[in-house]
PDB file of all heavy atoms in Angstrom:
ATOM      1  N   GLN A   1      40.518  15.563  -1.264  1.00  0.00           N
ATOM      2  CA  GLN A   1      40.474  14.621  -0.152  1.00  0.00           C
ATOM      3  C   GLN A   1      39.376  14.999   0.838  1.00  0.00           C
ATOM      4  O   GLN A   1      38.699  14.108   1.394  1.00  0.00           O
ATOM      5  CB  GLN A   1      41.831  14.591   0.554  1.00  0.00           C
ATOM      6  CG  GLN A   1      42.923  13.927  -0.275  1.00  0.00           C
ATOM      7  CD  GLN A   1      44.246  13.869   0.465  1.00  0.00           C
ATOM      8  OE1 GLN A   1      44.365  14.327   1.621  1.00  0.00           O
ATOM      9  NE2 GLN A   1      45.296  13.347  -0.210  1.00  0.00           N
ATOM     10  N   ASP A   2      39.183  16.320   1.046  1.00  0.00           N
ATOM     11  CA  ASP A   2      38.093  16.729   1.927  1.00  0.00           C
ATOM     12  C   ASP A   2      36.736  16.317   1.359  1.00  0.00           C
ATOM     13  O   ASP A   2      35.830  15.894   2.103  1.00  0.00           O
ATOM     14  CB  ASP A   2      38.136  18.239   2.147  1.00  0.00           C
ATOM     15  CG  ASP A   2      39.382  18.670   2.924  1.00  0.00           C
ATOM     16  OD1 ASP A   2      39.941  17.788   3.614  1.00  0.00           O
ATOM     17  OD2 ASP A   2      39.769  19.836   2.815  1.00  0.00           O
ATOM     18  N   VAL A   3      36.589  16.432   0.045  1.00  0.00           N
ATOM     19  CA  VAL A   3      35.331  16.012  -0.587  1.00  0.00           C
ATOM     20  C   VAL A   3      35.119  14.511  -0.412  1.00  0.00           C
ATOM     21  O   VAL A   3      34.005  14.035  -0.123  1.00  0.00           O
ATOM     22  CB  VAL A   3      35.328  16.401  -2.078  1.00  0.00           C
ATOM     23  CG1 VAL A   3      34.105  15.807  -2.787  1.00  0.00           C
ATOM     24  CG2 VAL A   3      35.341  17.900  -2.239  1.00  0.00           C
ATOM     25  N   PHE A   4      36.160  13.726  -0.569  1.00  0.00           N
ATOM     26  CA  PHE A   4      36.037  12.273  -0.420  1.00  0.00           C
ATOM     27  C   PHE A   4      35.694  11.903   1.013  1.00  0.00           C
ATOM     28  O   PHE A   4      34.871  11.001   1.256  1.00  0.00           O
ATOM     29  CB  PHE A   4      37.348  11.601  -0.851  1.00  0.00           C
ATOM     30  CG  PHE A   4      37.330  10.123  -0.733  1.00  0.00           C
ATOM     31  CD1 PHE A   4      36.605   9.326  -1.626  1.00  0.00           C
ATOM     32  CD2 PHE A   4      37.990   9.493   0.308  1.00  0.00           C
ATOM     33  CE1 PHE A   4      36.580   7.954  -1.477  1.00  0.00           C
ATOM     34  CE2 PHE A   4      37.967   8.127   0.454  1.00  0.00           C
ATOM     35  CZ  PHE A   4      37.261   7.352  -0.457  1.00  0.00           C
ATOM     36  N   VAL A   5      36.352  12.642   1.991  1.00  0.00           N
ATOM     37  CA  VAL A   5      36.029  12.378   3.389  1.00  0.00           C
ATOM     38  C   VAL A   5      34.574  12.691   3.667  1.00  0.00           C
ATOM     39  O   VAL A   5      33.862  11.965   4.361  1.00  0.00           O
ATOM     40  CB  VAL A   5      36.968  13.170   4.303  1.00  0.00           C
ATOM     41  CG1 VAL A   5      36.508  13.092   5.757  1.00  0.00           C
ATOM     42  CG2 VAL A   5      38.388  12.656   4.179  1.00  0.00           C
ATOM     43  N   GLN A   6      34.082  13.816   3.107  1.00  0.00           N
ATOM     44  CA  GLN A   6      32.686  14.174   3.277  1.00  0.00           C
ATOM     45  C   GLN A   6      31.747  13.132   2.654  1.00  0.00           C
ATOM     46  O   GLN A   6      30.684  12.827   3.182  1.00  0.00           O
ATOM     47  CB  GLN A   6      32.417  15.553   2.651  1.00  0.00           C
ATOM     48  CG  GLN A   6      31.023  16.073   2.916  1.00  0.00           C
ATOM     49  CD  GLN A   6      30.791  16.336   4.401  1.00  0.00           C
ATOM     50  OE1 GLN A   6      31.747  16.662   5.143  1.00  0.00           O
ATOM     51  NE2 GLN A   6      29.556  16.207   4.841  1.00  0.00           N
ATOM     52  N   MET A   7      32.209  12.557   1.557  1.00  0.00           N
ATOM     53  CA  MET A   7      31.420  11.489   0.913  1.00  0.00           C
ATOM     54  C   MET A   7      31.314  10.269   1.819  1.00  0.00           C
ATOM     55  O   MET A   7      30.225   9.671   1.967  1.00  0.00           O
ATOM     56  CB  MET A   7      32.076  11.096  -0.419  1.00  0.00           C
ATOM     57  CG  MET A   7      31.365   9.989  -1.176  1.00  0.00           C
ATOM     58  SD  MET A   7      32.216   9.614  -2.723  1.00  0.00           S
ATOM     59  CE  MET A   7      31.202   8.291  -3.335  1.00  0.00           C
ATOM     60  N   CYS A   8      32.430   9.920   2.476  1.00  0.00           N
ATOM     61  CA  CYS A   8      32.407   8.769   3.387  1.00  0.00           C
ATOM     62  C   CYS A   8      31.534   9.072   4.603  1.00  0.00           C
ATOM     63  O   CYS A   8      30.797   8.197   5.087  1.00  0.00           O
ATOM     64  CB  CYS A   8      33.834   8.437   3.835  1.00  0.00           C
ATOM     65  SG  CYS A   8      34.874   7.818   2.478  1.00  0.00           S
ATOM     66  N   VAL A   9      31.614  10.317   5.104  1.00  0.00           N
ATOM     67  CA  VAL A   9      30.769  10.696   6.234  1.00  0.00           C
ATOM     68  C   VAL A   9      29.305  10.634   5.848  1.00  0.00           C
ATOM     69  O   VAL A   9      28.453  10.145   6.607  1.00  0.00           O
ATOM     70  CB  VAL A   9      31.162  12.090   6.739  1.00  0.00           C
ATOM     71  CG1 VAL A   9      30.168  12.596   7.790  1.00  0.00           C
ATOM     72  CG2 VAL A   9      32.570  12.088   7.324  1.00  0.00           C
ATOM     73  N   SER A  10      28.959  11.112   4.671  1.00  0.00           N
ATOM     74  CA  SER A  10      27.567  11.061   4.213  1.00  0.00           C
ATOM     75  C   SER A  10      27.097   9.624   4.046  1.00  0.00           C
ATOM     76  O   SER A  10      25.935   9.293   4.310  1.00  0.00           O
ATOM     77  CB  SER A  10      27.423  11.831   2.892  1.00  0.00           C
ATOM     78  OG  SER A  10      26.082  11.817   2.466  1.00  0.00           O
ATOM     79  N   PHE A  11      27.991   8.737   3.588  1.00  0.00           N
ATOM     80  CA  PHE A  11      27.645   7.319   3.455  1.00  0.00           C
ATOM     81  C   PHE A  11      27.309   6.709   4.819  1.00  0.00           C
ATOM     82  O   PHE A  11      26.342   5.972   4.957  1.00  0.00           O
ATOM     83  CB  PHE A  11      28.816   6.565   2.811  1.00  0.00           C
ATOM     84  CG  PHE A  11      28.652   5.069   2.822  1.00  0.00           C
ATOM     85  CD1 PHE A  11      27.784   4.420   1.956  1.00  0.00           C
ATOM     86  CD2 PHE A  11      29.372   4.300   3.727  1.00  0.00           C
ATOM     87  CE1 PHE A  11      27.630   3.058   1.993  1.00  0.00           C
ATOM     88  CE2 PHE A  11      29.224   2.931   3.756  1.00  0.00           C
ATOM     89  CZ  PHE A  11      28.346   2.297   2.886  1.00  0.00           C
ATOM     90  N   ALA A  12      28.121   7.094   5.836  1.00  0.00           N
ATOM     91  CA  ALA A  12      27.935   6.510   7.161  1.00  0.00           C
ATOM     92  C   ALA A  12      26.784   7.151   7.918  1.00  0.00           C
ATOM     93  O   ALA A  12      26.060   6.467   8.653  1.00  0.00           O
ATOM     94  CB  ALA A  12      29.223   6.611   7.974  1.00  0.00           C
ATOM     95  N   GLU A  13      26.594   8.485   7.766  1.00  0.00           N
ATOM     96  CA  GLU A  13      25.621   9.190   8.589  1.00  0.00           C
ATOM     97  C   GLU A  13      24.283   9.408   7.911  1.00  0.00           C
ATOM     98  O   GLU A  13      23.278   9.639   8.602  1.00  0.00           O
ATOM     99  CB  GLU A  13      26.200  10.543   9.035  1.00  0.00           C
ATOM    100  CG  GLU A  13      27.420  10.404   9.929  1.00  0.00           C
ATOM    101  CD  GLU A  13      27.972  11.752  10.364  1.00  0.00           C
ATOM    102  OE1 GLU A  13      27.421  12.773   9.871  1.00  0.00           O
ATOM    103  OE2 GLU A  13      28.923  11.789  11.162  1.00  0.00           O
ATOM    104  N   ASP A  14      24.270   9.382   6.573  1.00  0.00           N
ATOM    105  CA  ASP A  14      23.009   9.631   5.856  1.00  0.00           C
ATOM    106  C   ASP A  14      22.461   8.367   5.183  1.00  0.00           C
ATOM    107  O   ASP A  14      21.292   8.010   5.344  1.00  0.00           O
ATOM    108  CB  ASP A  14      23.217  10.729   4.806  1.00  0.00           C
ATOM    109  CG  ASP A  14      23.567  12.063   5.446  1.00  0.00           C
ATOM    110  OD1 ASP A  14      23.103  12.297   6.578  1.00  0.00           O
ATOM    111  OD2 ASP A  14      24.293  12.840   4.822  1.00  0.00           O
ATOM    112  N   LEU A  15      23.321   7.730   4.396  1.00  0.00           N
ATOM    113  CA  LEU A  15      22.822   6.606   3.585  1.00  0.00           C
ATOM    114  C   LEU A  15      22.483   5.400   4.461  1.00  0.00           C
ATOM    115  O   LEU A  15      21.396   4.808   4.316  1.00  0.00           O
ATOM    116  CB  LEU A  15      23.863   6.225   2.529  1.00  0.00           C
ATOM    117  CG  LEU A  15      23.415   5.203   1.465  1.00  0.00           C
ATOM    118  CD1 LEU A  15      24.002   5.565   0.106  1.00  0.00           C
ATOM    119  CD2 LEU A  15      23.867   3.803   1.840  1.00  0.00           C
ATOM    120  N   LEU A  16      23.404   5.016   5.359  1.00  0.00           N
ATOM    121  CA  LEU A  16      23.158   3.825   6.173  1.00  0.00           C
ATOM    122  C   LEU A  16      21.944   3.981   7.088  1.00  0.00           C
ATOM    123  O   LEU A  16      21.109   3.081   7.171  1.00  0.00           O
ATOM    124  CB  LEU A  16      24.408   3.488   6.983  1.00  0.00           C
ATOM    125  CG  LEU A  16      25.607   2.971   6.176  1.00  0.00           C
ATOM    126  CD1 LEU A  16      26.780   2.659   7.092  1.00  0.00           C
ATOM    127  CD2 LEU A  16      25.235   1.736   5.376  1.00  0.00           C
ATOM    128  N   PRO A  17      21.789   5.111   7.810  1.00  0.00           N
ATOM    129  CA  PRO A  17      20.573   5.244   8.633  1.00  0.00           C
ATOM    130  C   PRO A  17      19.293   5.236   7.820  1.00  0.00           C
ATOM    131  O   PRO A  17      18.264   4.682   8.241  1.00  0.00           O
ATOM    132  CB  PRO A  17      20.789   6.570   9.354  1.00  0.00           C
ATOM    133  CG  PRO A  17      22.264   6.755   9.396  1.00  0.00           C
ATOM    134  CD  PRO A  17      22.755   6.193   8.095  1.00  0.00           C
ATOM    135  N   PHE A  18      19.339   5.852   6.643  1.00  0.00           N
ATOM    136  CA  PHE A  18      18.138   5.866   5.807  1.00  0.00           C
ATOM    137  C   PHE A  18      17.776   4.452   5.329  1.00  0.00           C
ATOM    138  O   PHE A  18      16.607   4.061   5.358  1.00  0.00           O
ATOM    139  CB  PHE A  18      18.348   6.804   4.619  1.00  0.00           C
ATOM    140  CG  PHE A  18      17.175   6.858   3.690  1.00  0.00           C
ATOM    141  CD1 PHE A  18      16.017   7.527   4.030  1.00  0.00           C
ATOM    142  CD2 PHE A  18      17.207   6.182   2.462  1.00  0.00           C
ATOM    143  CE1 PHE A  18      14.931   7.555   3.178  1.00  0.00           C
ATOM    144  CE2 PHE A  18      16.125   6.221   1.616  1.00  0.00           C
ATOM    145  CZ  PHE A  18      14.982   6.916   1.971  1.00  0.00           C
ATOM    146  N   ILE A  19      18.794   3.709   4.906  1.00  0.00           N
ATOM    147  CA  ILE A  19      18.525   2.334   4.484  1.00  0.00           C
ATOM    148  C   ILE A  19      18.003   1.513   5.656  1.00  0.00           C
ATOM    149  O   ILE A  19      17.111   0.654   5.501  1.00  0.00           O
ATOM    150  CB  ILE A  19      19.789   1.715   3.875  1.00  0.00           C
ATOM    151  CG1 ILE A  19      20.102   2.368   2.522  1.00  0.00           C
ATOM    152  CG2 ILE A  19      19.641   0.214   3.696  1.00  0.00           C
ATOM    153  CD1 ILE A  19      21.345   1.864   1.842  1.00  0.00           C
ATOM    154  N   ASN A  20      18.531   1.789   6.854  1.00  0.00           N
ATOM    155  CA  ASN A  20      18.057   1.073   8.038  1.00  0.00           C
ATOM    156  C   ASN A  20      16.597   1.394   8.330  1.00  0.00           C
ATOM    157  O   ASN A  20      15.809   0.513   8.694  1.00  0.00           O
ATOM    158  CB  ASN A  20      18.953   1.418   9.225  1.00  0.00           C
ATOM    159  CG  ASN A  20      18.650   0.542  10.427  1.00  0.00           C
ATOM    160  OD1 ASN A  20      18.311  -0.625  10.273  1.00  0.00           O
ATOM    161  ND2 ASN A  20      18.740   1.098  11.621  1.00  0.00           N
ATOM    162  N   ARG A  21      16.219   2.675   8.170  1.00  0.00           N
ATOM    163  CA  ARG A  21      14.814   3.022   8.376  1.00  0.00           C
ATOM    164  C   ARG A  21      13.916   2.346   7.342  1.00  0.00           C
ATOM    165  O   ARG A  21      12.814   1.894   7.664  1.00  0.00           O
ATOM    166  CB  ARG A  21      14.648   4.562   8.298  1.00  0.00           C
ATOM    167  CG  ARG A  21      15.248   5.295   9.490  1.00  0.00           C
ATOM    168  CD  ARG A  21      14.721   6.733   9.558  1.00  0.00           C
ATOM    169  NE  ARG A  21      15.022   7.480   8.359  1.00  0.00           N
ATOM    170  CZ  ARG A  21      16.136   8.179   8.157  1.00  0.00           C
ATOM    171  NH1 ARG A  21      17.078   8.198   9.103  1.00  0.00           N
ATOM    172  NH2 ARG A  21      16.332   8.858   7.056  1.00  0.00           N
ATOM    173  N   CYS A  22      14.410   2.310   6.102  1.00  0.00           N
ATOM    174  CA  CYS A  22      13.613   1.599   5.069  1.00  0.00           C
ATOM    175  C   CYS A  22      13.467   0.122   5.417  1.00  0.00           C
ATOM    176  O   CYS A  22      12.393  -0.474   5.253  1.00  0.00           O
ATOM    177  CB  CYS A  22      14.286   1.758   3.707  1.00  0.00           C
ATOM    178  SG  CYS A  22      14.285   3.447   3.066  1.00  0.00           S
ATOM    179  N   LEU A  23      14.544  -0.476   5.893  1.00  0.00           N
ATOM    180  CA  LEU A  23      14.490  -1.882   6.245  1.00  0.00           C
ATOM    181  C   LEU A  23      13.548  -2.135   7.416  1.00  0.00           C
ATOM    182  O   LEU A  23      12.786  -3.109   7.419  1.00  0.00           O
ATOM    183  CB  LEU A  23      15.905  -2.368   6.582  1.00  0.00           C
ATOM    184  CG  LEU A  23      16.077  -3.880   6.795  1.00  0.00           C
ATOM    185  CD1 LEU A  23      15.722  -4.632   5.520  1.00  0.00           C
ATOM    186  CD2 LEU A  23      17.505  -4.193   7.202  1.00  0.00           C
ATOM    187  N   GLN A  24      13.566  -1.233   8.409  1.00  0.00           N
ATOM    188  CA  GLN A  24      12.645  -1.384   9.540  1.00  0.00           C
ATOM    189  C   GLN A  24      11.203  -1.172   9.128  1.00  0.00           C
ATOM    190  O   GLN A  24      10.275  -1.754   9.711  1.00  0.00           O
ATOM    191  CB  GLN A  24      13.032  -0.387  10.644  1.00  0.00           C
ATOM    192  CG  GLN A  24      14.361  -0.686  11.315  1.00  0.00           C
ATOM    193  CD  GLN A  24      14.722   0.336  12.356  1.00  0.00           C
ATOM    194  OE1 GLN A  24      13.965   1.284  12.616  1.00  0.00           O
ATOM    195  NE2 GLN A  24      15.901   0.187  12.959  1.00  0.00           N
ATOM    196  N   LEU A  25      11.010  -0.323   8.114  1.00  0.00           N
ATOM    197  CA  LEU A  25       9.660  -0.113   7.631  1.00  0.00           C
ATOM    198  C   LEU A  25       9.131  -1.359   6.902  1.00  0.00           C
ATOM    199  O   LEU A  25       7.953  -1.717   7.022  1.00  0.00           O
ATOM    200  CB  LEU A  25       9.623   1.093   6.701  1.00  0.00           C
ATOM    201  CG  LEU A  25       8.241   1.528   6.204  1.00  0.00           C
ATOM    202  CD1 LEU A  25       7.356   1.936   7.369  1.00  0.00           C
ATOM    203  CD2 LEU A  25       8.376   2.669   5.206  1.00  0.00           C
ATOM    204  N   LEU A  26      10.021  -2.016   6.154  1.00  0.00           N
ATOM    205  CA  LEU A  26       9.604  -3.226   5.459  1.00  0.00           C
ATOM    206  C   LEU A  26       9.419  -4.401   6.417  1.00  0.00           C
ATOM    207  O   LEU A  26       8.523  -5.241   6.227  1.00  0.00           O
ATOM    208  CB  LEU A  26      10.632  -3.600   4.383  1.00  0.00           C
ATOM    209  CG  LEU A  26      10.729  -2.670   3.176  1.00  0.00           C
ATOM    210  CD1 LEU A  26      11.872  -3.080   2.266  1.00  0.00           C
ATOM    211  CD2 LEU A  26       9.423  -2.662   2.386  1.00  0.00           C
ATOM    212  N   PHE A  27      10.253  -4.471   7.420  1.00  0.00           N
ATOM    213  CA  PHE A  27      10.211  -5.578   8.366  1.00  0.00           C
ATOM    214  C   PHE A  27      10.091  -5.011   9.779  1.00  0.00           C
ATOM    215  O   PHE A  27      11.111  -4.813  10.462  1.00  0.00           O
ATOM    216  CB  PHE A  27      11.478  -6.445   8.258  1.00  0.00           C
ATOM    217  CG  PHE A  27      11.690  -7.015   6.891  1.00  0.00           C
ATOM    218  CD1 PHE A  27      12.571  -6.410   5.997  1.00  0.00           C
ATOM    219  CD2 PHE A  27      10.997  -8.135   6.482  1.00  0.00           C
ATOM    220  CE1 PHE A  27      12.773  -6.936   4.737  1.00  0.00           C
ATOM    221  CE2 PHE A  27      11.197  -8.662   5.217  1.00  0.00           C
ATOM    222  CZ  PHE A  27      12.077  -8.059   4.329  1.00  0.00           C
ATOM    223  N   PRO A  28       8.872  -4.698  10.230  1.00  0.00           N
ATOM    224  CA  PRO A  28       8.700  -4.138  11.581  1.00  0.00           C
ATOM    225  C   PRO A  28       9.186  -5.115  12.656  1.00  0.00           C
ATOM    226  O   PRO A  28       9.052  -6.333  12.520  1.00  0.00           O
ATOM    227  CB  PRO A  28       7.191  -3.898  11.681  1.00  0.00           C
ATOM    228  CG  PRO A  28       6.717  -3.849  10.265  1.00  0.00           C
ATOM    229  CD  PRO A  28       7.605  -4.762   9.499  1.00  0.00           C
ATOM    230  N   HIS A  29       9.725  -4.544  13.721  1.00  0.00           N
ATOM    231  CA  HIS A  29      10.259  -5.399  14.780  1.00  0.00           C
ATOM    232  C   HIS A  29       9.162  -6.204  15.467  1.00  0.00           C
ATOM    233  O   HIS A  29       9.401  -7.340  15.906  1.00  0.00           O
ATOM    234  CB  HIS A  29      10.995  -4.528  15.819  1.00  0.00           C
ATOM    235  CG  HIS A  29      12.218  -3.857  15.255  1.00  0.00           C
ATOM    236  ND1 HIS A  29      13.304  -4.560  14.798  1.00  0.00           N
ATOM    237  CD2 HIS A  29      12.523  -2.529  15.075  1.00  0.00           C
ATOM    238  CE1 HIS A  29      14.240  -3.736  14.362  1.00  0.00           C
ATOM    239  NE2 HIS A  29      13.781  -2.481  14.516  1.00  0.00           N
ATOM    240  N   THR A  30       7.969  -5.646  15.537  1.00  0.00           N
ATOM    241  CA  THR A  30       6.884  -6.381  16.214  1.00  0.00           C
ATOM    242  C   THR A  30       6.515  -7.656  15.469  1.00  0.00           C
ATOM    243  O   THR A  30       6.318  -8.714  16.070  1.00  0.00           O
ATOM    244  CB  THR A  30       5.658  -5.472  16.324  1.00  0.00           C
ATOM    245  OG1 THR A  30       5.286  -5.011  15.018  1.00  0.00           O
ATOM    246  CG2 THR A  30       5.963  -4.268  17.213  1.00  0.00           C
ATOM    247  N   HIS A  31       6.446  -7.536  14.140  1.00  0.00           N
ATOM    248  CA  HIS A  31       6.113  -8.717  13.341  1.00  0.00           C
ATOM    249  C   HIS A  31       7.260  -9.712  13.325  1.00  0.00           C
ATOM    250  O   HIS A  31       7.040 -10.931  13.344  1.00  0.00           O
ATOM    251  CB  HIS A  31       5.751  -8.304  11.925  1.00  0.00           C
ATOM    252  CG  HIS A  31       4.451  -7.557  11.846  1.00  0.00           C
ATOM    253  ND1 HIS A  31       4.033  -6.913  10.700  1.00  0.00           N
ATOM    254  CD2 HIS A  31       3.488  -7.334  12.771  1.00  0.00           C
ATOM    255  CE1 HIS A  31       2.858  -6.332  10.933  1.00  0.00           C
ATOM    256  NE2 HIS A  31       2.514  -6.576  12.200  1.00  0.00           N
ATOM    257  N   ILE A  32       8.477  -9.216  13.271  1.00  0.00           N
ATOM    258  CA  ILE A  32       9.628 -10.123  13.275  1.00  0.00           C
ATOM    259  C   ILE A  32       9.713 -10.865  14.601  1.00  0.00           C
ATOM    260  O   ILE A  32      10.067 -12.051  14.659  1.00  0.00           O
ATOM    261  CB  ILE A  32      10.920  -9.340  12.984  1.00  0.00           C
ATOM    262  CG1 ILE A  32      10.881  -8.807  11.543  1.00  0.00           C
ATOM    263  CG2 ILE A  32      12.146 -10.227  13.185  1.00  0.00           C
ATOM    264  CD1 ILE A  32      12.067  -7.967  11.167  1.00  0.00           C
ATOM    265  N   ALA A  33       9.352 -10.196  15.681  1.00  0.00           N
ATOM    266  CA  ALA A  33       9.368 -10.858  16.984  1.00  0.00           C
ATOM    267  C   ALA A  33       8.351 -12.005  17.027  1.00  0.00           C
ATOM    268  O   ALA A  33       8.578 -13.027  17.672  1.00  0.00           O
ATOM    269  CB  ALA A  33       9.061  -9.841  18.080  1.00  0.00           C
ATOM    270  N   GLN A  34       7.221 -11.829  16.333  1.00  0.00           N
ATOM    271  CA  GLN A  34       6.228 -12.902  16.294  1.00  0.00           C
ATOM    272  C   GLN A  34       6.735 -14.126  15.531  1.00  0.00           C
ATOM    273  O   GLN A  34       6.322 -15.243  15.791  1.00  0.00           O
ATOM    274  CB  GLN A  34       4.933 -12.404  15.659  1.00  0.00           C
ATOM    275  CG  GLN A  34       4.232 -11.317  16.473  1.00  0.00           C
ATOM    276  CD  GLN A  34       3.000 -10.794  15.760  1.00  0.00           C
ATOM    277  OE1 GLN A  34       2.615 -11.307  14.722  1.00  0.00           O
ATOM    278  NE2 GLN A  34       2.383  -9.761  16.317  1.00  0.00           N
TER     279      GLN A  34
END
């Protein structure tokens, strides 16, 4: 159960922020604002 909890924490703290950075890199906020 501790391993599964760590997996969920890694999903929330590592995977999601990384995907968000990739998404911001593909779609910069400056260009989207235009």
